[in-house]
C-alpha atoms as a PDB file:
ATOM      1  CA  MET A   1       0.485  -0.271  -0.085  1.00  0.00           C
ATOM      2  CA  ILE A   2       1.311   3.165  -1.445  1.00  0.00           C
ATOM      3  CA  SER A   3       1.936   6.829   1.620  1.00  0.00           C
ATOM      4  CA  PHE A   4       0.826   9.451   0.641  1.00  0.00           C
ATOM      5  CA  VAL A   5      -0.290  12.670   3.188  1.00  0.00           C
ATOM      6  CA  ARG A   6      -1.927  15.164   0.287  1.00  0.00           C
ATOM      7  CA  TYR A   7      -4.237  18.165   1.184  1.00  0.00           C
ATOM      8  CA  ARG A   8      -6.838  20.361  -1.585  1.00  0.00           C
ATOM      9  CA  ARG A   9      -8.900  23.570  -1.972  1.00  0.00           C
ATOM     10  CA  VAL A  10     -12.346  23.030  -1.876  1.00  0.00           C
ATOM     11  CA  GLY A  11     -14.088  26.493  -2.023  1.00  0.00           C
ATOM     12  CA  SER A  12     -13.438  28.392   1.993  1.00  0.00           C
ATOM     13  CA  LEU A  13     -11.667  24.928   3.786  1.00  0.00           C
ATOM     14  CA  VAL A  14      -8.212  23.120   2.953  1.00  0.00           C
ATOM     15  CA  PHE A  15      -8.840  18.991   3.363  1.00  0.00           C
ATOM     16  CA  LEU A  16      -5.489  16.882   4.341  1.00  0.00           C
ATOM     17  CA  GLN A  17      -6.251  13.465   4.344  1.00  0.00           C
ATOM     18  CA  TRP A  18      -3.238  11.099   4.525  1.00  0.00           C
ATOM     19  CA  ASN A  19      -2.374   6.868   4.739  1.00  0.00           C
ATOM     20  CA  ILE A  20       0.936   6.082   6.007  1.00  0.00           C
ATOM     21  CA  ALA A  21       3.434   3.472   7.162  1.00  0.00           C
ATOM     22  CA  GLN A  22       3.879   4.482  10.698  1.00  0.00           C
ATOM     23  CA  THR A  23       5.621   1.084  13.128  1.00  0.00           C
ATOM     24  CA  SER A  24       6.682   2.882  15.452  1.00  0.00           C
ATOM     25  CA  ASP A  25       5.646   5.513  18.525  1.00  0.00           C
ATOM     26  CA  ILE A  26       8.419   8.246  17.160  1.00  0.00           C
ATOM     27  CA  TYR A  27       6.517  11.210  15.262  1.00  0.00           C
ATOM     28  CA  TRP A  28       7.348  11.517  12.123  1.00  0.00           C
ATOM     29  CA  ALA A  29       6.918  15.250  10.391  1.00  0.00           C
ATOM     30  CA  ALA A  30       5.374  15.041   6.817  1.00  0.00           C
ATOM     31  CA  GLY A  31       6.472  18.508   5.507  1.00  0.00           C
ATOM     32  CA  ASN A  32       4.727  21.941   5.254  1.00  0.00           C
ATOM     33  CA  LEU A  33       1.485  23.496   4.415  1.00  0.00           C
ATOM     34  CA  PRO A  34       1.784  26.661   2.538  1.00  0.00           C
ATOM     35  CA  LYS A  35       0.725  29.644   4.074  1.00  0.00           C
ATOM     36  CA  TRP A  36      -2.236  30.450   2.302  1.00  0.00           C
ATOM     37  CA  ALA A  37      -3.530  26.695   3.460  1.00  0.00           C
ATOM     38  CA  ARG A  38      -2.437  27.192   7.407  1.00  0.00           C
ATOM     39  CA  PRO A  39      -5.362  27.506   9.918  1.00  0.00           C
ATOM     40  CA  ALA A  40      -5.728  30.009  12.275  1.00  0.00           C
ATOM     41  CA  ALA A  41      -5.032  28.141  15.191  1.00  0.00           C
ATOM     42  CA  THR A  42      -2.421  24.729  16.016  1.00  0.00           C
ATOM     43  CA  ILE A  43      -4.607  21.793  15.215  1.00  0.00           C
ATOM     44  CA  TYR A  44      -3.774  18.081  16.627  1.00  0.00           C
ATOM     45  CA  ALA A  45      -7.221  15.551  15.791  1.00  0.00           C
ATOM     46  CA  PRO A  46      -7.380  12.356  16.505  1.00  0.00           C
ATOM     47  CA  ALA A  47      -6.684   9.624  13.665  1.00  0.00           C
ATOM     48  CA  CYS A  48      -7.001   5.795  13.237  1.00  0.00           C
ATOM     49  CA  VAL A  49      -4.516   2.883  13.399  1.00  0.00           C
ATOM     50  CA  ILE A  50      -5.052   0.567  11.171  1.00  0.00           C
ATOM     51  CA  ASN A  51      -3.827  -2.305   9.409  1.00  0.00           C
ATOM     52  CA  THR A  52      -3.563  -2.440   5.291  1.00  0.00           C
ATOM     53  CA  ASP A  53      -5.747  -5.130   5.447  1.00  0.00           C
ATOM     54  CA  GLY A  54      -8.438  -2.226   7.258  1.00  0.00           C
ATOM     55  CA  ILE A  55      -9.565  -3.206  10.225  1.00  0.00           C
ATOM     56  CA  VAL A  56      -9.028  -0.964  13.036  1.00  0.00           C
ATOM     57  CA  ARG A  57      -6.102  -0.916  15.827  1.00  0.00           C
ATOM     58  CA  ASN A  58      -6.865  -0.076  19.305  1.00  0.00           C
ATOM     59  CA  ILE A  59      -3.896   2.423  19.488  1.00  0.00           C
ATOM     60  CA  CYS A  60      -3.786   5.932  19.200  1.00  0.00           C
ATOM     61  CA  ALA A  61      -2.616   8.308  17.042  1.00  0.00           C
ATOM     62  CA  TYR A  62      -2.721  11.765  15.920  1.00  0.00           C
ATOM     63  CA  VAL A  63      -2.114  14.375  13.578  1.00  0.00           C
ATOM     64  CA  TYR A  64      -0.561  17.540  14.239  1.00  0.00           C
ATOM     65  CA  VAL A  65      -0.905  21.299  12.057  1.00  0.00           C
ATOM     66  CA  ASN A  66       1.392  23.735  13.334  1.00  0.00           C
ATOM     67  CA  ALA A  67       0.328  26.960  12.543  1.00  0.00           C
ATOM     68  CA  PRO A  68       0.466  30.113  11.807  1.00  0.00           C
ATOM     69  CA  ASN A  69       4.124  29.725  12.716  1.00  0.00           C
ATOM     70  CA  ASP A  70       5.233  27.060  10.152  1.00  0.00           C
ATOM     71  CA  GLY A  71       2.458  25.084   9.022  1.00  0.00           C
ATOM     72  CA  GLU A  72       4.214  21.932  10.129  1.00  0.00           C
ATOM     73  CA  VAL A  73       1.866  18.983   9.516  1.00  0.00           C
ATOM     74  CA  GLY A  74       2.967  15.791  11.867  1.00  0.00           C
ATOM     75  CA  PHE A  75       1.782  12.245  13.108  1.00  0.00           C
ATOM     76  CA  LYS A  76       2.653   9.584  15.816  1.00  0.00           C
ATOM     77  CA  ILE A  77       0.739   6.735  17.020  1.00  0.00           C
ATOM     78  CA  ALA A  78       0.817   5.778  21.070  1.00  0.00           C
ATOM     79  CA  SER A  79       1.937   3.061  21.515  1.00  0.00           C
ATOM     80  CA  THR A  80       5.193   0.868  19.397  1.00  0.00           C
ATOM     81  CA  ALA A  81       3.599  -0.989  17.087  1.00  0.00           C
ATOM     82  CA  SER A  82       5.824  -3.253  16.539  1.00  0.00           C
ATOM     83  CA  ASP A  83       3.318  -4.580  13.064  1.00  0.00           C
ATOM     84  CA  ALA A  84       4.562  -3.563   9.241  1.00  0.00           C
ATOM     85  CA  ASP A  85       1.243  -3.214   7.817  1.00  0.00           C
ATOM     86  CA  THR A  86       0.084  -0.503  10.742  1.00  0.00           C
ATOM     87  CA  ARG A  87      -0.548   2.976   8.730  1.00  0.00           C
ATOM     88  CA  ASN A  88      -1.870   5.962  10.573  1.00  0.00           C
ATOM     89  CA  THR A  89      -4.520   7.309   8.729  1.00  0.00           C
ATOM     90  CA  GLY A  90      -7.398   9.682   8.158  1.00  0.00           C
ATOM     91  CA  ILE A  91      -8.813  13.114   6.705  1.00  0.00           C
ATOM     92  CA  ILE A  92      -9.569  16.367   8.892  1.00  0.00           C
ATOM     93  CA  CYS A  93     -10.626  19.619   7.429  1.00  0.00           C
ATOM     94  CA  TRP A  94     -10.626  23.541   8.554  1.00  0.00           C
ATOM     95  CA  PRO A  95     -11.580  26.714   7.178  1.00  0.00           C
ATOM     96  CA  ILE A  96      -9.290  29.349   5.429  1.00  0.00           C
ATOM     97  CA  GLY A  97     -10.037  32.814   4.871  1.00  0.00           C
END
């Protein structure tokens, strides 16, 4: 399964969608959003941890969007996942001005 992190603008909203392989509890910084796509405040939002077959795992995860500083997008799972097929996935959106 291919890992991806993508964002897009739909009207006055920005959508962030991701599905990444994350097999350790180390914070992973994916990159920075451009200024026009950053939310007004920093976002911590829940994410879902799944296996590649789509089964949800009982592991807490989150996505982090640092705004308005640098627009960093990062991901973390709460516990070490030893399986190679563990994925952090989700979608969020926020308004932009």
